[in-house]
Protein backbone atom coordinates (compact mmCIF):
# COMPACT_ATOMS: atom_id res chain seq x y z
CA UNK A 1 0.32 -6.91 35.07
CA UNK A 2 0.29 -6.18 31.33
CA UNK A 3 3.20 -7.70 29.42
CA UNK A 4 5.19 -5.59 26.98
CA UNK A 5 4.71 -6.96 23.47
CA UNK A 6 7.68 -7.07 21.13
CA UNK A 7 6.90 -5.64 17.70
CA UNK A 8 8.46 -6.04 14.26
CA UNK A 9 7.85 -3.32 11.66
CA UNK A 10 8.00 -4.34 8.00
CA UNK A 11 8.13 -2.42 4.73
CA UNK A 12 8.92 -3.05 1.09
CA UNK A 13 10.84 -0.35 -0.75
CA UNK A 14 11.94 0.81 -4.17
CA UNK A 15 13.65 4.20 -4.43
CA UNK A 16 12.18 5.67 -1.23
CA UNK A 17 15.21 7.80 -0.26
CA UNK A 18 13.12 10.96 0.01
CA UNK A 19 10.88 9.53 2.75
CA UNK A 20 12.73 6.59 4.31
CA UNK A 21 14.45 8.45 7.15
CA UNK A 22 11.28 10.10 8.45
CA UNK A 23 9.46 6.80 8.07
CA UNK A 24 12.05 4.92 10.14
CA UNK A 25 12.14 7.62 12.83
CA UNK A 26 8.35 7.32 13.21
CA UNK A 27 8.87 3.64 14.07
CA UNK A 28 10.99 4.47 17.12
CA UNK A 29 8.76 2.39 19.40
CA UNK A 30 9.24 -0.99 17.68
CA UNK A 31 11.87 -3.62 18.48
CA UNK A 32 13.05 -4.33 14.95
CA UNK A 33 12.48 -2.99 11.44
CA UNK A 34 12.78 -5.23 8.37
CA UNK A 35 13.11 -3.54 4.98
CA UNK A 36 12.74 -5.72 1.89
CA UNK A 37 14.19 -3.65 -0.93
CA UNK A 38 13.72 -4.31 -4.66
CA UNK A 39 17.25 -3.17 -5.57
CA UNK A 40 16.72 0.57 -5.30
CA UNK A 41 19.07 2.71 -7.39
CA UNK A 42 18.93 5.68 -5.03
CA UNK A 43 20.13 6.00 -1.39
CA UNK A 44 17.26 4.02 0.16
CA UNK A 45 19.42 1.10 1.31
CA UNK A 46 22.32 3.26 2.51
CA UNK A 47 20.02 5.51 4.55
CA UNK A 48 18.02 2.63 6.02
CA UNK A 49 21.17 0.70 6.97
CA UNK A 50 22.31 3.56 9.22
CA UNK A 51 19.51 2.80 11.71
CA UNK A 52 20.47 0.29 14.39
CA UNK A 53 17.10 -1.45 14.50
CA UNK A 54 16.95 -1.93 10.74
CA UNK A 55 17.71 -5.10 8.81
CA UNK A 56 17.74 -4.65 5.02
CA UNK A 57 17.13 -7.63 2.76
CA UNK A 58 17.29 -7.15 -1.00
CA UNK A 59 15.03 -9.31 -3.14
CA UNK A 60 14.03 -9.11 -6.78
CA UNK A 61 10.45 -7.85 -7.10
CA UNK A 62 8.01 -10.29 -8.66
CA UNK A 63 4.71 -9.00 -7.26
CA UNK A 64 3.40 -7.22 -4.17
CA UNK A 65 1.91 -10.26 -2.42
CA UNK A 66 5.05 -12.36 -2.73
CA UNK A 67 7.26 -9.48 -1.64
CA UNK A 68 5.14 -8.77 1.43
CA UNK A 69 4.75 -12.41 2.43
CA UNK A 70 8.53 -12.77 2.19
CA UNK A 71 8.89 -9.77 4.52
CA UNK A 72 6.52 -11.36 7.06
CA UNK A 73 8.70 -14.45 7.10
CA UNK A 74 11.70 -12.31 8.10
CA UNK A 75 10.02 -10.97 11.27
CA UNK A 76 11.36 -12.39 14.53
CA UNK A 77 8.39 -11.19 16.61
CA UNK A 78 4.79 -12.41 16.46
CA UNK A 79 3.18 -8.98 16.18
CA UNK A 80 4.04 -7.03 13.05
CA UNK A 81 3.28 -3.62 11.62
CA UNK A 82 3.20 -3.36 7.83
CA UNK A 83 3.11 0.25 6.68
CA UNK A 84 4.08 1.83 3.36
CA UNK A 85 6.96 4.33 3.48
CA UNK A 86 4.65 7.11 2.26
CA UNK A 87 2.26 6.57 5.19
CA UNK A 88 2.76 8.79 8.23
CA UNK A 89 2.77 7.00 11.57
CA UNK A 90 1.76 9.81 13.88
CA UNK A 91 2.68 9.83 17.56
CA UNK A 92 -0.97 9.30 18.54
CA UNK A 93 -1.14 6.24 16.28
CA UNK A 94 2.15 4.92 17.68
CA UNK A 95 0.87 5.28 21.24
CA UNK A 96 -2.44 3.61 20.40
CA UNK A 97 -0.68 0.64 18.79
CA UNK A 98 1.51 0.16 21.87
CA UNK A 99 -1.47 0.42 24.18
CA UNK A 100 -3.63 -2.02 22.19
CA UNK A 101 -0.89 -4.62 21.85
CA UNK A 102 -0.33 -4.77 25.61
CA UNK A 103 -3.60 -6.71 25.78
CA UNK A 104 -4.83 -7.46 22.24
CA UNK A 105 -8.48 -8.40 21.77
CA UNK A 106 -8.12 -9.26 18.07
CA UNK A 107 -5.53 -10.92 15.82
CA UNK A 108 -5.34 -7.85 13.56
CA UNK A 109 -6.17 -4.15 13.53
CA UNK A 110 -7.11 -1.84 10.68
CA UNK A 111 -6.59 1.90 10.47
CA UNK A 112 -8.35 4.51 8.35
CA UNK A 113 -6.08 6.27 5.87
CA UNK A 114 -6.32 9.96 4.98
CA UNK A 115 -5.08 10.59 1.44
CA UNK A 116 -3.01 13.70 0.68
CA UNK A 117 -2.67 14.44 -3.04
CA UNK A 118 -0.97 17.43 -4.68
CA UNK A 119 -0.67 19.06 -1.27
CA UNK A 120 -4.37 18.73 -0.45
CA UNK A 121 -6.22 16.43 1.94
CA UNK A 122 -8.64 14.39 -0.16
CA UNK A 123 -11.88 13.92 1.78
CA UNK A 124 -13.97 12.19 -0.88
CA UNK A 125 -13.18 10.57 -4.28
CA UNK A 126 -13.80 7.09 -2.86
CA UNK A 127 -11.29 7.44 -0.05
CA UNK A 128 -13.90 8.07 2.66
CA UNK A 129 -13.81 4.38 3.63
CA UNK A 130 -10.14 3.58 3.07
CA UNK A 131 -9.56 1.12 5.93
CA UNK A 132 -6.42 -1.03 5.72
CA UNK A 133 -4.98 -3.69 8.03
CA UNK A 134 -1.59 -2.49 9.23
CA UNK A 135 -1.17 -4.32 12.58
CA UNK A 136 -1.50 -8.10 12.89
CA UNK A 137 -0.20 -11.32 14.44
CA UNK A 138 1.96 -12.92 11.76
CA UNK A 139 0.51 -16.40 12.33
CA UNK A 140 -2.95 -15.17 11.33
CA UNK A 141 -2.21 -12.94 8.34
CA UNK A 142 -1.05 -13.59 4.78
CA UNK A 143 -1.34 -11.52 1.62
CA UNK A 144 -3.85 -12.93 -0.83
CA UNK A 145 -1.67 -13.53 -3.88
CA UNK A 146 -2.83 -10.59 -5.99
CA UNK A 147 0.02 -9.15 -8.02
CA UNK A 148 -1.17 -5.63 -7.17
CA UNK A 149 -3.80 -4.10 -4.85
CA UNK A 150 -3.06 -6.99 -2.56
CA UNK A 151 -5.01 -7.36 0.66
CA UNK A 152 -4.21 -9.21 3.85
CA UNK A 153 -6.27 -12.33 4.48
CA UNK A 154 -6.79 -12.57 8.24
CA UNK A 155 -7.82 -15.77 10.04
CA UNK A 156 -9.60 -14.21 13.00
CA UNK A 157 -11.26 -11.04 14.19
CA UNK A 158 -10.08 -7.60 13.06
CA UNK A 159 -10.37 -4.55 15.33
CA UNK A 160 -10.30 -0.89 14.32
CA UNK A 161 -7.87 1.71 15.63
CA UNK A 162 -9.16 5.21 16.39
CA UNK A 163 -6.11 7.15 15.18
CA UNK A 164 -5.89 8.10 11.51
CA UNK A 165 -3.08 7.34 9.05
CA UNK A 166 -2.05 10.21 6.72
CA UNK A 167 -1.07 8.81 3.31
CA UNK A 168 1.24 11.06 1.29
CA UNK A 169 1.13 9.15 -1.97
CA UNK A 170 1.97 12.13 -4.19
CA UNK A 171 5.60 13.12 -4.89
CA UNK A 172 5.11 14.50 -8.39
CA UNK A 173 2.57 14.02 -11.15
CA UNK A 174 5.05 11.93 -13.17
CA UNK A 175 5.83 9.76 -10.14
CA UNK A 176 2.13 9.21 -9.38
CA UNK A 177 1.15 8.39 -12.97
CA UNK A 178 4.22 6.15 -13.30
CA UNK A 179 3.10 4.22 -10.22
CA UNK A 180 -0.39 3.75 -11.65
CA UNK A 181 1.04 2.59 -14.98
CA UNK A 182 3.12 -0.05 -13.16
CA UNK A 183 -0.01 -1.17 -11.34
CA UNK A 184 -1.87 -1.35 -14.67
CA UNK A 185 0.80 -3.65 -16.10
CA UNK A 186 0.54 -5.98 -13.08
CA UNK A 187 -3.27 -5.98 -13.26
CA UNK A 188 -3.03 -6.88 -16.95
CA UNK A 189 -0.85 -9.86 -16.03
CA UNK A 190 -3.45 -10.98 -13.50
CA UNK A 191 -6.21 -10.79 -16.13
CA UNK A 192 -4.05 -12.62 -18.65
CA UNK A 193 -3.44 -15.44 -16.17
CA UNK A 194 -7.23 -15.71 -15.79
CA UNK A 195 -7.52 -15.87 -19.62
CA UNK A 196 -9.58 -12.67 -19.77
CA UNK A 197 -9.59 -11.08 -23.22
CA UNK A 198 -10.15 -7.34 -23.79
CA UNK A 199 -12.87 -6.01 -26.06
CA UNK A 200 -14.39 -2.66 -26.98
CA UNK A 201 -16.42 -2.66 -23.76
CA UNK A 202 -13.22 -2.70 -21.71
CA UNK A 203 -11.56 0.07 -23.73
CA UNK A 204 -14.55 2.43 -23.79
CA UNK A 205 -16.96 1.73 -20.94
CA UNK A 206 -14.67 0.63 -18.12
CA UNK A 207 -12.49 3.82 -18.09
CA UNK A 208 -15.61 6.00 -18.42
CA UNK A 209 -17.31 4.18 -15.56
CA UNK A 210 -14.22 4.51 -13.36
CA UNK A 211 -14.18 8.27 -13.87
CA UNK A 212 -17.93 8.66 -13.40
CA UNK A 213 -17.96 6.43 -10.29
CA UNK A 214 -15.03 8.18 -8.60
CA UNK A 215 -15.84 11.76 -9.58
CA UNK A 216 -19.65 11.72 -9.28
CA UNK A 217 -20.84 8.73 -7.23
CA UNK A 218 -17.93 8.88 -4.77
CA UNK A 219 -18.10 12.68 -4.64
CA UNK A 220 -14.70 13.48 -6.13
CA UNK A 221 -16.28 16.64 -7.46
CA UNK A 222 -16.21 17.98 -3.87
CA UNK A 223 -12.39 17.64 -3.83
CA UNK A 224 -12.05 20.37 -6.45
CA UNK A 225 -9.51 20.21 -9.25
CA UNK A 226 -7.49 17.61 -7.34
CA UNK A 227 -10.55 15.36 -7.32
CA UNK A 228 -10.95 15.77 -11.08
CA UNK A 229 -7.26 15.00 -11.71
CA UNK A 230 -7.42 11.91 -9.48
CA UNK A 231 -10.50 10.59 -11.28
CA UNK A 232 -9.00 11.29 -14.72
CA UNK A 233 -5.66 9.62 -13.93
CA UNK A 234 -7.34 6.58 -12.42
CA UNK A 235 -9.70 6.28 -15.40
CA UNK A 236 -6.74 6.40 -17.77
CA UNK A 237 -4.96 3.71 -15.73
CA UNK A 238 -7.98 1.45 -16.33
CA UNK A 239 -7.65 2.10 -20.07
CA UNK A 240 -3.92 1.37 -19.87
CA UNK A 241 -4.65 -1.92 -18.06
CA UNK A 242 -6.63 -3.24 -21.02
CA UNK A 243 -4.13 -1.92 -23.55
CA UNK A 244 -1.43 -3.85 -21.68
CA UNK A 245 -3.66 -6.94 -21.66
CA UNK A 246 -4.23 -6.61 -25.42
CA UNK A 247 -0.47 -6.29 -25.97
CA UNK A 248 0.14 -9.46 -23.95
CA UNK A 249 -2.09 -11.41 -26.33
CA UNK A 250 -0.43 -9.83 -29.38
CA UNK A 251 2.99 -10.76 -28.03
CA UNK A 252 1.99 -14.38 -27.55
CA UNK A 253 -0.07 -14.74 -30.72
């Protein structure tokens, strides 16, 4: 007889009041939900605290890896789900997770994300192969230490789920560009710690290559104007990364 597996759902938040309730409702099938909040100044904490399965822990944000590894340590169950609040856990995905975890064949499972940007499903632009690990046994998974664009290092085999994961990353253009600028600042810190110094190549070629790679090579052109905007914003975020790195050296020197 298959044994019911207890599941902990984890998330890190900062000002997610607009999506947090729907996100928590989609996790109806788990046994506990742990929210690690970076001192939101909206109603995120108040709304999350109303749910009986939710435990909210507030912690100052230092970087994404540290914040997520801290969240893993708060889980009371071995199997954890780690979704972002702007990812949509559909009922088919929820059912598949429950079914797979009754008799798991792997220590972790990845799911393919489907990006939605400016109200449009993005089919290309480099997101055709956007697989992310979102289900894993906590003893076999740890985030890799990157300040941003962190990935989960898994000690064991990783399976793939069949259900898709809609990713509604876009709230407004200002919100989206603001998020990328924050990522650029963290990436600059990572480069600074590695003693990388920016030069003209980084300011001119790297942003151009990012746009060309995403819009042409990764077929962003087939996503219409949304594909162009995505490629442009991401190219500018690369430029901003090296500006931030240059400013770090000016501040020190």
